[in-house]
Structure formats: structure tokens, C-alpha cells
């Protein structure tokens, strides 16, 4: 415990991005559903919450994959109802990061 271990190694700088796009490509409908469930006046934050919930339930924990695979509402509830303060802190950090990155992606596509 306390030792970092590389999960993957890439020869080119663009490969990790391609890997992540490939991993999450099939989840776009789920991300859109989560965005809709995360009502907010700020669309960037809606996506930030959706992406944070997907990240937490697919990358940090495999809970979204089931079996059976969770629905968007179950994923949202799984994250929101977690009482572990460490997880809530991680989730809030994810929301901030994903909101900022999504907004930057939309406003600065190049």
C-alpha cells in the first residue's frame, strides 16, 4: 500500500487520449442521460457531474459494469449516496476538473 503502479505505458503522447476516447465512446448515451439527470443552470457543470459520475463508477470502481450494468439513475445515486467523505471529496474534485475541461473543450475547440 502506498506504492504507485503504472496501469499502462504508451509510446506516443496522443495514445492515452485515443485510449480514453475508445474506452468511453460506447458510453456517450449513458453520459447524455447522466447530464440530463444532473439538473443545473450551467450545462458545463451538468457534463462535469455526468463525467465525474462515469469516471468514479467505471474507472475508480467497476460498479457501473455490474452485473447487471447500472442505469444512469443508479450510477448517479451510487455516487451521490456514498457517505464516505474521501469519496465525496474525490467526486467534488472530479466535478470541478471535468466541468473546467469540458467548458474549455467547448469554448476552445482548437
PDB file of N, CA and C in Angstrom:
ATOM      1  N   UNK A   1       0.839  -1.178   0.000  1.00  0.00           N
ATOM      2  CA  UNK A   1       0.000   0.000   0.000  1.00  0.00           C
ATOM      3  C   UNK A   1       0.885   1.244   0.000  1.00  0.00           C
ATOM      4  N   UNK A   2       0.433   2.276  -0.705  1.00  0.00           N
ATOM      5  CA  UNK A   2       1.201   3.493  -0.784  1.00  0.00           C
ATOM      6  C   UNK A   2       2.192   3.525  -1.928  1.00  0.00           C
ATOM      7  N   UNK A   3       2.260   2.451  -2.705  1.00  0.00           N
ATOM      8  CA  UNK A   3       3.171   2.393  -3.838  1.00  0.00           C
ATOM      9  C   UNK A   3       2.372   2.555  -5.127  1.00  0.00           C
ATOM     10  N   UNK A   4       2.794   3.467  -5.966  1.00  0.00           N
ATOM     11  CA  UNK A   4       2.127   3.676  -7.251  1.00  0.00           C
ATOM     12  C   UNK A   4       2.594   2.625  -8.238  1.00  0.00           C
ATOM     13  N   UNK A   5       1.650   2.153  -9.031  1.00  0.00           N
ATOM     14  CA  UNK A   5       1.948   1.168 -10.059  1.00  0.00           C
ATOM     15  C   UNK A   5       1.332   1.656 -11.361  1.00  0.00           C
ATOM     16  N   UNK A   6       2.120   1.701 -12.422  1.00  0.00           N
ATOM     17  CA  UNK A   6       1.611   2.123 -13.725  1.00  0.00           C
ATOM     18  C   UNK A   6       0.611   1.094 -14.247  1.00  0.00           C
ATOM     19  N   UNK A   7      -0.530   1.566 -14.701  1.00  0.00           N
ATOM     20  CA  UNK A   7      -1.536   0.682 -15.279  1.00  0.00           C
ATOM     21  C   UNK A   7      -1.322   0.482 -16.769  1.00  0.00           C
ATOM     22  N   UNK A   8      -0.651   1.443 -17.387  1.00  0.00           N
ATOM     23  CA  UNK A   8      -0.413   1.363 -18.824  1.00  0.00           C
ATOM     24  C   UNK A   8       0.808   2.204 -19.165  1.00  0.00           C
ATOM     25  N   UNK A   9       1.415   1.889 -20.283  1.00  0.00           N
ATOM     26  CA  UNK A   9       2.561   2.636 -20.783  1.00  0.00           C
ATOM     27  C   UNK A   9       2.327   2.895 -22.272  1.00  0.00           C
ATOM     28  N   UNK A  10       2.560   4.117 -22.705  1.00  0.00           N
ATOM     29  CA  UNK A  10       2.288   4.493 -24.091  1.00  0.00           C
ATOM     30  C   UNK A  10       3.547   5.072 -24.735  1.00  0.00           C
ATOM     31  N   UNK A  11       3.752   4.725 -26.002  1.00  0.00           N
ATOM     32  CA  UNK A  11       4.931   5.192 -26.717  1.00  0.00           C
ATOM     33  C   UNK A  11       4.759   6.598 -27.292  1.00  0.00           C
ATOM     34  N   UNK A  12       3.520   6.995 -27.566  1.00  0.00           N
ATOM     35  CA  UNK A  12       3.259   8.317 -28.130  1.00  0.00           C
ATOM     36  C   UNK A  12       2.374   9.124 -27.186  1.00  0.00           C
ATOM     37  N   UNK A  13       2.543  10.436 -27.185  1.00  0.00           N
ATOM     38  CA  UNK A  13       1.785  11.326 -26.306  1.00  0.00           C
ATOM     39  C   UNK A  13       0.287  11.263 -26.606  1.00  0.00           C
ATOM     40  N   UNK A  14      -0.104  11.096 -27.860  1.00  0.00           N
ATOM     41  CA  UNK A  14      -1.521  11.088 -28.229  1.00  0.00           C
ATOM     42  C   UNK A  14      -2.217   9.768 -27.890  1.00  0.00           C
ATOM     43  N   UNK A  15      -1.478   8.734 -27.643  1.00  0.00           N
ATOM     44  CA  UNK A  15      -2.073   7.413 -27.402  1.00  0.00           C
ATOM     45  C   UNK A  15      -2.975   7.371 -26.169  1.00  0.00           C
ATOM     46  N   UNK A  16      -2.610   7.975 -25.032  1.00  0.00           N
ATOM     47  CA  UNK A  16      -3.520   7.925 -23.872  1.00  0.00           C
ATOM     48  C   UNK A  16      -4.880   8.561 -24.166  1.00  0.00           C
ATOM     49  N   UNK A  17      -4.883   9.659 -24.903  1.00  0.00           N
ATOM     50  CA  UNK A  17      -6.135  10.310 -25.256  1.00  0.00           C
ATOM     51  C   UNK A  17      -6.970   9.402 -26.148  1.00  0.00           C
ATOM     52  N   UNK A  18      -6.344   8.788 -27.127  1.00  0.00           N
ATOM     53  CA  UNK A  18      -7.052   7.859 -28.010  1.00  0.00           C
ATOM     54  C   UNK A  18      -7.608   6.678 -27.214  1.00  0.00           C
ATOM     55  N   UNK A  19      -6.835   6.211 -26.248  1.00  0.00           N
ATOM     56  CA  UNK A  19      -7.271   5.117 -25.385  1.00  0.00           C
ATOM     57  C   UNK A  19      -8.524   5.508 -24.609  1.00  0.00           C
ATOM     58  N   UNK A  20      -8.525   6.700 -24.005  1.00  0.00           N
ATOM     59  CA  UNK A  20      -9.678   7.150 -23.214  1.00  0.00           C
ATOM     60  C   UNK A  20     -10.908   7.360 -24.096  1.00  0.00           C
ATOM     61  N   UNK A  21     -10.721   7.936 -25.278  1.00  0.00           N
ATOM     62  CA  UNK A  21     -11.849   8.122 -26.203  1.00  0.00           C
ATOM     63  C   UNK A  21     -12.425   6.763 -26.570  1.00  0.00           C
ATOM     64  N   UNK A  22     -11.576   5.819 -26.863  1.00  0.00           N
ATOM     65  CA  UNK A  22     -12.021   4.475 -27.213  1.00  0.00           C
ATOM     66  C   UNK A  22     -12.780   3.830 -26.048  1.00  0.00           C
ATOM     67  N   UNK A  23     -12.268   3.988 -24.841  1.00  0.00           N
ATOM     68  CA  UNK A  23     -12.882   3.388 -23.658  1.00  0.00           C
ATOM     69  C   UNK A  23     -14.275   3.954 -23.407  1.00  0.00           C
ATOM     70  N   UNK A  24     -14.435   5.272 -23.535  1.00  0.00           N
ATOM     71  CA  UNK A  24     -15.699   5.919 -23.190  1.00  0.00           C
ATOM     72  C   UNK A  24     -16.645   6.146 -24.372  1.00  0.00           C
ATOM     73  N   UNK A  25     -16.209   5.885 -25.580  1.00  0.00           N
ATOM     74  CA  UNK A  25     -17.030   6.120 -26.779  1.00  0.00           C
ATOM     75  C   UNK A  25     -18.397   5.433 -26.675  1.00  0.00           C
ATOM     76  N   UNK A  26     -18.410   4.201 -26.233  1.00  0.00           N
ATOM     77  CA  UNK A  26     -19.672   3.460 -26.150  1.00  0.00           C
ATOM     78  C   UNK A  26     -20.579   3.983 -25.033  1.00  0.00           C
ATOM     79  N   UNK A  27     -20.046   4.810 -24.157  1.00  0.00           N
ATOM     80  CA  UNK A  27     -20.815   5.320 -23.024  1.00  0.00           C
ATOM     81  C   UNK A  27     -21.457   6.677 -23.287  1.00  0.00           C
ATOM     82  N   UNK A  28     -21.334   7.200 -24.486  1.00  0.00           N
ATOM     83  CA  UNK A  28     -21.888   8.523 -24.787  1.00  0.00           C
ATOM     84  C   UNK A  28     -23.381   8.609 -24.463  1.00  0.00           C
ATOM     85  N   UNK A  29     -24.215   7.614 -24.840  1.00  0.00           N
ATOM     86  CA  UNK A  29     -25.634   7.714 -24.462  1.00  0.00           C
ATOM     87  C   UNK A  29     -25.834   7.756 -22.937  1.00  0.00           C
ATOM     88  N   UNK A  30     -25.031   7.002 -22.205  1.00  0.00           N
ATOM     89  CA  UNK A  30     -25.111   6.999 -20.748  1.00  0.00           C
ATOM     90  C   UNK A  30     -24.690   8.355 -20.185  1.00  0.00           C
ATOM     91  N   UNK A  31     -23.653   8.940 -20.745  1.00  0.00           N
ATOM     92  CA  UNK A  31     -23.194  10.266 -20.313  1.00  0.00           C
ATOM     93  C   UNK A  31     -24.282  11.307 -20.573  1.00  0.00           C
ATOM     94  N   UNK A  32     -24.930  11.228 -21.730  1.00  0.00           N
ATOM     95  CA  UNK A  32     -26.026  12.163 -22.045  1.00  0.00           C
ATOM     96  C   UNK A  32     -27.184  12.002 -21.059  1.00  0.00           C
ATOM     97  N   UNK A  33     -27.494  10.757 -20.700  1.00  0.00           N
ATOM     98  CA  UNK A  33     -28.564  10.515 -19.721  1.00  0.00           C
ATOM     99  C   UNK A  33     -28.190  11.090 -18.357  1.00  0.00           C
ATOM    100  N   UNK A  34     -26.940  10.889 -17.954  1.00  0.00           N
ATOM    101  CA  UNK A  34     -26.480  11.442 -16.683  1.00  0.00           C
ATOM    102  C   UNK A  34     -26.504  12.967 -16.705  1.00  0.00           C
ATOM    103  N   UNK A  35     -26.132  13.543 -17.814  1.00  0.00           N
ATOM    104  CA  UNK A  35     -26.170  15.006 -17.948  1.00  0.00           C
ATOM    105  C   UNK A  35     -27.587  15.511 -17.719  1.00  0.00           C
ATOM    106  N   UNK A  36     -28.564  14.834 -18.297  1.00  0.00           N
ATOM    107  CA  UNK A  36     -29.969  15.221 -18.147  1.00  0.00           C
ATOM    108  C   UNK A  36     -30.428  15.058 -16.695  1.00  0.00           C
ATOM    109  N   UNK A  37     -29.980  14.013 -16.038  1.00  0.00           N
ATOM    110  CA  UNK A  37     -30.356  13.775 -14.639  1.00  0.00           C
ATOM    111  C   UNK A  37     -29.726  14.775 -13.673  1.00  0.00           C
ATOM    112  N   UNK A  38     -28.595  15.339 -14.047  1.00  0.00           N
ATOM    113  CA  UNK A  38     -27.889  16.294 -13.196  1.00  0.00           C
ATOM    114  C   UNK A  38     -28.313  17.716 -13.540  1.00  0.00           C
ATOM    115  N   UNK A  39     -29.516  18.058 -13.155  1.00  0.00           N
ATOM    116  CA  UNK A  39     -30.095  19.358 -13.473  1.00  0.00           C
ATOM    117  C   UNK A  39     -29.252  20.468 -12.850  1.00  0.00           C
ATOM    118  N   UNK A  40     -28.933  21.445 -13.687  1.00  0.00           N
ATOM    119  CA  UNK A  40     -28.150  22.592 -13.236  1.00  0.00           C
ATOM    120  C   UNK A  40     -28.353  23.691 -14.266  1.00  0.00           C
ATOM    121  N   UNK A  41     -28.256  24.936 -13.862  1.00  0.00           N
ATOM    122  CA  UNK A  41     -28.386  26.039 -14.815  1.00  0.00           C
ATOM    123  C   UNK A  41     -27.139  26.174 -15.687  1.00  0.00           C
ATOM    124  N   UNK A  42     -26.066  25.523 -15.285  1.00  0.00           N
ATOM    125  CA  UNK A  42     -24.814  25.570 -16.021  1.00  0.00           C
ATOM    126  C   UNK A  42     -24.620  24.228 -16.742  1.00  0.00           C
ATOM    127  N   UNK A  43     -24.740  24.230 -18.069  1.00  0.00           N
ATOM    128  CA  UNK A  43     -24.610  22.999 -18.836  1.00  0.00           C
ATOM    129  C   UNK A  43     -23.227  22.371 -18.683  1.00  0.00           C
ATOM    130  N   UNK A  44     -22.196  23.186 -18.551  1.00  0.00           N
ATOM    131  CA  UNK A  44     -20.851  22.661 -18.371  1.00  0.00           C
ATOM    132  C   UNK A  44     -20.778  21.835 -17.080  1.00  0.00           C
ATOM    133  N   UNK A  45     -21.427  22.338 -16.027  1.00  0.00           N
ATOM    134  CA  UNK A  45     -21.425  21.621 -14.749  1.00  0.00           C
ATOM    135  C   UNK A  45     -22.251  20.341 -14.852  1.00  0.00           C
ATOM    136  N   UNK A  46     -23.332  20.359 -15.646  1.00  0.00           N
ATOM    137  CA  UNK A  46     -24.104  19.134 -15.856  1.00  0.00           C
ATOM    138  C   UNK A  46     -23.195  18.050 -16.444  1.00  0.00           C
ATOM    139  N   UNK A  47     -22.427  18.416 -17.458  1.00  0.00           N
ATOM    140  CA  UNK A  47     -21.483  17.464 -18.049  1.00  0.00           C
ATOM    141  C   UNK A  47     -20.368  17.114 -17.067  1.00  0.00           C
ATOM    142  N   UNK A  48     -19.921  18.103 -16.293  1.00  0.00           N
ATOM    143  CA  UNK A  48     -18.891  17.836 -15.298  1.00  0.00           C
ATOM    144  C   UNK A  48     -19.336  16.785 -14.293  1.00  0.00           C
ATOM    145  N   UNK A  49     -20.580  16.909 -13.827  1.00  0.00           N
ATOM    146  CA  UNK A  49     -21.121  15.926 -12.884  1.00  0.00           C
ATOM    147  C   UNK A  49     -21.274  14.571 -13.560  1.00  0.00           C
ATOM    148  N   UNK A  50     -21.810  14.556 -14.778  1.00  0.00           N
ATOM    149  CA  UNK A  50     -22.009  13.296 -15.508  1.00  0.00           C
ATOM    150  C   UNK A  50     -20.676  12.581 -15.717  1.00  0.00           C
ATOM    151  N   UNK A  51     -19.678  13.315 -16.160  1.00  0.00           N
ATOM    152  CA  UNK A  51     -18.361  12.714 -16.410  1.00  0.00           C
ATOM    153  C   UNK A  51     -17.705  12.247 -15.110  1.00  0.00           C
ATOM    154  N   UNK A  52     -17.883  13.011 -14.039  1.00  0.00           N
ATOM    155  CA  UNK A  52     -17.335  12.603 -12.740  1.00  0.00           C
ATOM    156  C   UNK A  52     -17.995  11.316 -12.260  1.00  0.00           C
ATOM    157  N   UNK A  53     -19.300  11.219 -12.444  1.00  0.00           N
ATOM    158  CA  UNK A  53     -20.018  10.012 -12.017  1.00  0.00           C
ATOM    159  C   UNK A  53     -19.601   8.800 -12.850  1.00  0.00           C
ATOM    160  N   UNK A  54     -19.438   8.996 -14.147  1.00  0.00           N
ATOM    161  CA  UNK A  54     -18.963   7.904 -15.010  1.00  0.00           C
ATOM    162  C   UNK A  54     -17.548   7.504 -14.617  1.00  0.00           C
ATOM    163  N   UNK A  55     -16.690   8.482 -14.421  1.00  0.00           N
ATOM    164  CA  UNK A  55     -15.300   8.199 -14.062  1.00  0.00           C
ATOM    165  C   UNK A  55     -15.231   7.418 -12.757  1.00  0.00           C
ATOM    166  N   UNK A  56     -15.959   7.881 -11.756  1.00  0.00           N
ATOM    167  CA  UNK A  56     -15.917   7.209 -10.459  1.00  0.00           C
ATOM    168  C   UNK A  56     -16.449   5.778 -10.542  1.00  0.00           C
ATOM    169  N   UNK A  57     -17.524   5.571 -11.289  1.00  0.00           N
ATOM    170  CA  UNK A  57     -18.155   4.242 -11.293  1.00  0.00           C
ATOM    171  C   UNK A  57     -17.632   3.303 -12.377  1.00  0.00           C
ATOM    172  N   UNK A  58     -16.716   3.776 -13.214  1.00  0.00           N
ATOM    173  CA  UNK A  58     -16.120   2.886 -14.215  1.00  0.00           C
ATOM    174  C   UNK A  58     -14.612   2.775 -14.054  1.00  0.00           C
ATOM    175  N   UNK A  59     -13.988   3.845 -13.633  1.00  0.00           N
ATOM    176  CA  UNK A  59     -12.528   3.856 -13.555  1.00  0.00           C
ATOM    177  C   UNK A  59     -12.052   3.588 -12.127  1.00  0.00           C
ATOM    178  N   UNK A  60     -12.568   4.353 -11.169  1.00  0.00           N
ATOM    179  CA  UNK A  60     -12.147   4.183  -9.775  1.00  0.00           C
ATOM    180  C   UNK A  60     -12.719   2.903  -9.171  1.00  0.00           C
ATOM    181  N   UNK A  61     -13.936   2.591  -9.520  1.00  0.00           N
ATOM    182  CA  UNK A  61     -14.594   1.355  -9.090  1.00  0.00           C
ATOM    183  C   UNK A  61     -15.313   0.804 -10.319  1.00  0.00           C
ATOM    184  N   UNK A  62     -15.443  -0.492 -10.445  1.00  0.00           N
ATOM    185  CA  UNK A  62     -16.137  -1.041 -11.619  1.00  0.00           C
ATOM    186  C   UNK A  62     -17.638  -1.212 -11.400  1.00  0.00           C
ATOM    187  N   UNK A  63     -18.216  -0.529 -10.428  1.00  0.00           N
ATOM    188  CA  UNK A  63     -19.602  -0.749 -10.034  1.00  0.00           C
ATOM    189  C   UNK A  63     -20.595  -0.537 -11.184  1.00  0.00           C
ATOM    190  N   UNK A  64     -20.327   0.372 -12.108  1.00  0.00           N
ATOM    191  CA  UNK A  64     -21.262   0.647 -13.209  1.00  0.00           C
ATOM    192  C   UNK A  64     -21.436  -0.548 -14.137  1.00  0.00           C
ATOM    193  N   UNK A  65     -20.411  -1.387 -14.190  1.00  0.00           N
ATOM    194  CA  UNK A  65     -20.457  -2.525 -15.102  1.00  0.00           C
ATOM    195  C   UNK A  65     -21.270  -3.700 -14.563  1.00  0.00           C
ATOM    196  N   UNK A  66     -21.609  -3.644 -13.269  1.00  0.00           N
ATOM    197  CA  UNK A  66     -22.441  -4.695 -12.681  1.00  0.00           C
ATOM    198  C   UNK A  66     -21.670  -5.962 -12.387  1.00  0.00           C
ATOM    199  N   UNK A  67     -22.289  -7.096 -12.522  1.00  0.00           N
ATOM    200  CA  UNK A  67     -23.577  -7.348 -13.163  1.00  0.00           C
ATOM    201  C   UNK A  67     -24.737  -7.139 -12.201  1.00  0.00           C
ATOM    202  N   UNK A  68     -25.865  -6.731 -12.688  1.00  0.00           N
ATOM    203  CA  UNK A  68     -26.090  -6.198 -14.027  1.00  0.00           C
ATOM    204  C   UNK A  68     -25.560  -4.774 -14.125  1.00  0.00           C
ATOM    205  N   UNK A  69     -25.334  -4.309 -15.339  1.00  0.00           N
ATOM    206  CA  UNK A  69     -24.857  -2.942 -15.557  1.00  0.00           C
ATOM    207  C   UNK A  69     -25.868  -1.955 -14.986  1.00  0.00           C
ATOM    208  N   UNK A  70     -25.364  -0.888 -14.377  1.00  0.00           N
ATOM    209  CA  UNK A  70     -26.239   0.106 -13.773  1.00  0.00           C
ATOM    210  C   UNK A  70     -26.806   1.069 -14.813  1.00  0.00           C
ATOM    211  N   UNK A  71     -27.987   1.568 -14.541  1.00  0.00           N
ATOM    212  CA  UNK A  71     -28.592   2.607 -15.364  1.00  0.00           C
ATOM    213  C   UNK A  71     -27.979   3.947 -14.972  1.00  0.00           C
ATOM    214  N   UNK A  72     -28.258   4.982 -15.749  1.00  0.00           N
ATOM    215  CA  UNK A  72     -27.746   6.320 -15.438  1.00  0.00           C
ATOM    216  C   UNK A  72     -28.219   6.765 -14.056  1.00  0.00           C
ATOM    217  N   UNK A  73     -29.483   6.553 -13.764  1.00  0.00           N
ATOM    218  CA  UNK A  73     -30.015   6.975 -12.462  1.00  0.00           C
ATOM    219  C   UNK A  73     -29.350   6.207 -11.319  1.00  0.00           C
ATOM    220  N   UNK A  74     -29.105   4.926 -11.504  1.00  0.00           N
ATOM    221  CA  UNK A  74     -28.430   4.135 -10.481  1.00  0.00           C
ATOM    222  C   UNK A  74     -26.991   4.595 -10.285  1.00  0.00           C
ATOM    223  N   UNK A  75     -26.322   4.965 -11.368  1.00  0.00           N
ATOM    224  CA  UNK A  75     -24.949   5.480 -11.269  1.00  0.00           C
ATOM    225  C   UNK A  75     -24.941   6.777 -10.479  1.00  0.00           C
ATOM    226  N   UNK A  76     -25.835   7.691 -10.830  1.00  0.00           N
ATOM    227  CA  UNK A  76     -25.916   8.972 -10.113  1.00  0.00           C
ATOM    228  C   UNK A  76     -26.171   8.725  -8.630  1.00  0.00           C
ATOM    229  N   UNK A  77     -27.144   7.884  -8.320  1.00  0.00           N
ATOM    230  CA  UNK A  77     -27.477   7.602  -6.926  1.00  0.00           C
ATOM    231  C   UNK A  77     -26.326   6.928  -6.188  1.00  0.00           C
ATOM    232  N   UNK A  78     -25.615   6.035  -6.857  1.00  0.00           N
ATOM    233  CA  UNK A  78     -24.470   5.353  -6.252  1.00  0.00           C
ATOM    234  C   UNK A  78     -23.429   6.370  -5.784  1.00  0.00           C
ATOM    235  N   UNK A  79     -23.164   7.356  -6.603  1.00  0.00           N
ATOM    236  CA  UNK A  79     -22.154   8.359  -6.258  1.00  0.00           C
ATOM    237  C   UNK A  79     -22.689   9.333  -5.207  1.00  0.00           C
ATOM    238  N   UNK A  80     -23.883   9.848  -5.418  1.00  0.00           N
ATOM    239  CA  UNK A  80     -24.460  10.845  -4.516  1.00  0.00           C
ATOM    240  C   UNK A  80     -24.711  10.278  -3.126  1.00  0.00           C
ATOM    241  N   UNK A  81     -25.127   9.030  -3.043  1.00  0.00           N
ATOM    242  CA  UNK A  81     -25.483   8.433  -1.757  1.00  0.00           C
ATOM    243  C   UNK A  81     -24.293   7.856  -0.995  1.00  0.00           C
ATOM    244  N   UNK A  82     -23.114   7.948  -1.562  1.00  0.00           N
ATOM    245  CA  UNK A  82     -21.919   7.457  -0.874  1.00  0.00           C
ATOM    246  C   UNK A  82     -21.641   8.357   0.319  1.00  0.00           C
ATOM    247  N   UNK A  83     -21.479   7.737   1.474  1.00  0.00           N
ATOM    248  CA  UNK A  83     -21.281   8.530   2.691  1.00  0.00           C
ATOM    249  C   UNK A  83     -19.809   8.682   3.070  1.00  0.00           C
ATOM    250  N   UNK A  84     -18.934   7.970   2.397  1.00  0.00           N
ATOM    251  CA  UNK A  84     -17.507   8.042   2.686  1.00  0.00           C
ATOM    252  C   UNK A  84     -16.994   9.423   2.290  1.00  0.00           C
ATOM    253  N   UNK A  85     -16.496  10.198   3.242  1.00  0.00           N
ATOM    254  CA  UNK A  85     -16.061  11.573   2.957  1.00  0.00           C
ATOM    255  C   UNK A  85     -14.907  11.626   1.968  1.00  0.00           C
ATOM    256  N   UNK A  86     -14.077  10.590   1.945  1.00  0.00           N
ATOM    257  CA  UNK A  86     -12.981  10.539   0.989  1.00  0.00           C
ATOM    258  C   UNK A  86     -13.537  10.477  -0.441  1.00  0.00           C
ATOM    259  N   UNK A  87     -14.576   9.678  -0.635  1.00  0.00           N
ATOM    260  CA  UNK A  87     -15.199   9.539  -1.950  1.00  0.00           C
ATOM    261  C   UNK A  87     -15.884  10.845  -2.348  1.00  0.00           C
ATOM    262  N   UNK A  88     -16.589  11.474  -1.421  1.00  0.00           N
ATOM    263  CA  UNK A  88     -17.283  12.731  -1.726  1.00  0.00           C
ATOM    264  C   UNK A  88     -16.268  13.793  -2.122  1.00  0.00           C
ATOM    265  N   UNK A  89     -15.162  13.879  -1.426  1.00  0.00           N
ATOM    266  CA  UNK A  89     -14.108  14.831  -1.763  1.00  0.00           C
ATOM    267  C   UNK A  89     -13.562  14.544  -3.164  1.00  0.00           C
ATOM    268  N   UNK A  90     -13.301  13.276  -3.461  1.00  0.00           N
ATOM    269  CA  UNK A  90     -12.821  12.875  -4.774  1.00  0.00           C
ATOM    270  C   UNK A  90     -13.840  13.253  -5.849  1.00  0.00           C
ATOM    271  N   UNK A  91     -15.108  12.963  -5.596  1.00  0.00           N
ATOM    272  CA  UNK A  91     -16.172  13.288  -6.541  1.00  0.00           C
ATOM    273  C   UNK A  91     -16.232  14.792  -6.800  1.00  0.00           C
ATOM    274  N   UNK A  92     -16.201  15.594  -5.742  1.00  0.00           N
ATOM    275  CA  UNK A  92     -16.255  17.054  -5.904  1.00  0.00           C
ATOM    276  C   UNK A  92     -15.066  17.560  -6.716  1.00  0.00           C
ATOM    277  N   UNK A  93     -13.892  16.978  -6.482  1.00  0.00           N
ATOM    278  CA  UNK A  93     -12.712  17.351  -7.268  1.00  0.00           C
ATOM    279  C   UNK A  93     -12.900  16.973  -8.735  1.00  0.00           C
ATOM    280  N   UNK A  94     -13.437  15.771  -8.975  1.00  0.00           N
ATOM    281  CA  UNK A  94     -13.722  15.346 -10.349  1.00  0.00           C
ATOM    282  C   UNK A  94     -14.692  16.310 -11.029  1.00  0.00           C
ATOM    283  N   UNK A  95     -15.746  16.697 -10.322  1.00  0.00           N
ATOM    284  CA  UNK A  95     -16.735  17.615 -10.913  1.00  0.00           C
ATOM    285  C   UNK A  95     -16.057  18.906 -11.331  1.00  0.00           C
ATOM    286  N   UNK A  96     -15.239  19.458 -10.473  1.00  0.00           N
ATOM    287  CA  UNK A  96     -14.533  20.705 -10.782  1.00  0.00           C
ATOM    288  C   UNK A  96     -13.631  20.538 -12.005  1.00  0.00           C
ATOM    289  N   UNK A  97     -12.865  19.467 -12.018  1.00  0.00           N
ATOM    290  CA  UNK A  97     -11.933  19.229 -13.126  1.00  0.00           C
ATOM    291  C   UNK A  97     -12.687  19.011 -14.437  1.00  0.00           C
ATOM    292  N   UNK A  98     -13.676  18.114 -14.418  1.00  0.00           N
ATOM    293  CA  UNK A  98     -14.404  17.808 -15.649  1.00  0.00           C
ATOM    294  C   UNK A  98     -15.226  19.000 -16.146  1.00  0.00           C
ATOM    295  N   UNK A  99     -15.778  19.794 -15.246  1.00  0.00           N
ATOM    296  CA  UNK A  99     -16.522  20.989 -15.654  1.00  0.00           C
ATOM    297  C   UNK A  99     -15.592  21.956 -16.367  1.00  0.00           C
ATOM    298  N   UNK A 100     -14.439  22.201 -15.775  1.00  0.00           N
ATOM    299  CA  UNK A 100     -13.461  23.121 -16.367  1.00  0.00           C
ATOM    300  C   UNK A 100     -12.962  22.612 -17.714  1.00  0.00           C
ATOM    301  N   UNK A 101     -12.624  21.334 -17.775  1.00  0.00           N
ATOM    302  CA  UNK A 101     -12.120  20.764 -19.028  1.00  0.00           C
ATOM    303  C   UNK A 101     -13.182  20.755 -20.123  1.00  0.00           C
ATOM    304  N   UNK A 102     -14.417  20.412 -19.770  1.00  0.00           N
ATOM    305  CA  UNK A 102     -15.480  20.387 -20.772  1.00  0.00           C
ATOM    306  C   UNK A 102     -15.749  21.798 -21.297  1.00  0.00           C
ATOM    307  N   UNK A 103     -15.806  22.770 -20.405  1.00  0.00           N
ATOM    308  CA  UNK A 103     -16.021  24.151 -20.821  1.00  0.00           C
ATOM    309  C   UNK A 103     -14.890  24.620 -21.743  1.00  0.00           C
ATOM    310  N   UNK A 104     -13.664  24.312 -21.376  1.00  0.00           N
ATOM    311  CA  UNK A 104     -12.519  24.690 -22.206  1.00  0.00           C
ATOM    312  C   UNK A 104     -12.587  23.998 -23.567  1.00  0.00           C
ATOM    313  N   UNK A 105     -12.971  22.733 -23.578  1.00  0.00           N
ATOM    314  CA  UNK A 105     -13.105  21.979 -24.817  1.00  0.00           C
ATOM    315  C   UNK A 105     -14.142  22.609 -25.753  1.00  0.00           C
ATOM    316  N   UNK A 106     -15.277  23.029 -25.185  1.00  0.00           N
ATOM    317  CA  UNK A 106     -16.346  23.628 -25.987  1.00  0.00           C
ATOM    318  C   UNK A 106     -15.955  25.019 -26.481  1.00  0.00           C
ATOM    319  N   UNK A 107     -15.373  25.823 -25.606  1.00  0.00           N
ATOM    320  CA  UNK A 107     -15.059  27.214 -25.959  1.00  0.00           C
ATOM    321  C   UNK A 107     -13.784  27.352 -26.770  1.00  0.00           C
ATOM    322  N   UNK A 108     -12.893  26.378 -26.683  1.00  0.00           N
ATOM    323  CA  UNK A 108     -11.609  26.441 -27.393  1.00  0.00           C
ATOM    324  C   UNK A 108     -11.350  25.126 -28.112  1.00  0.00           C
ATOM    325  N   UNK A 109     -12.120  24.821 -29.144  1.00  0.00           N
ATOM    326  CA  UNK A 109     -12.013  23.521 -29.805  1.00  0.00           C
ATOM    327  C   UNK A 109     -10.661  23.262 -30.482  1.00  0.00           C
ATOM    328  N   UNK A 110      -9.883  24.279 -30.747  1.00  0.00           N
ATOM    329  CA  UNK A 110      -8.591  24.085 -31.399  1.00  0.00           C
ATOM    330  C   UNK A 110      -7.557  24.067 -30.370  1.00  0.00           C
TER     331      UNK A 110
END
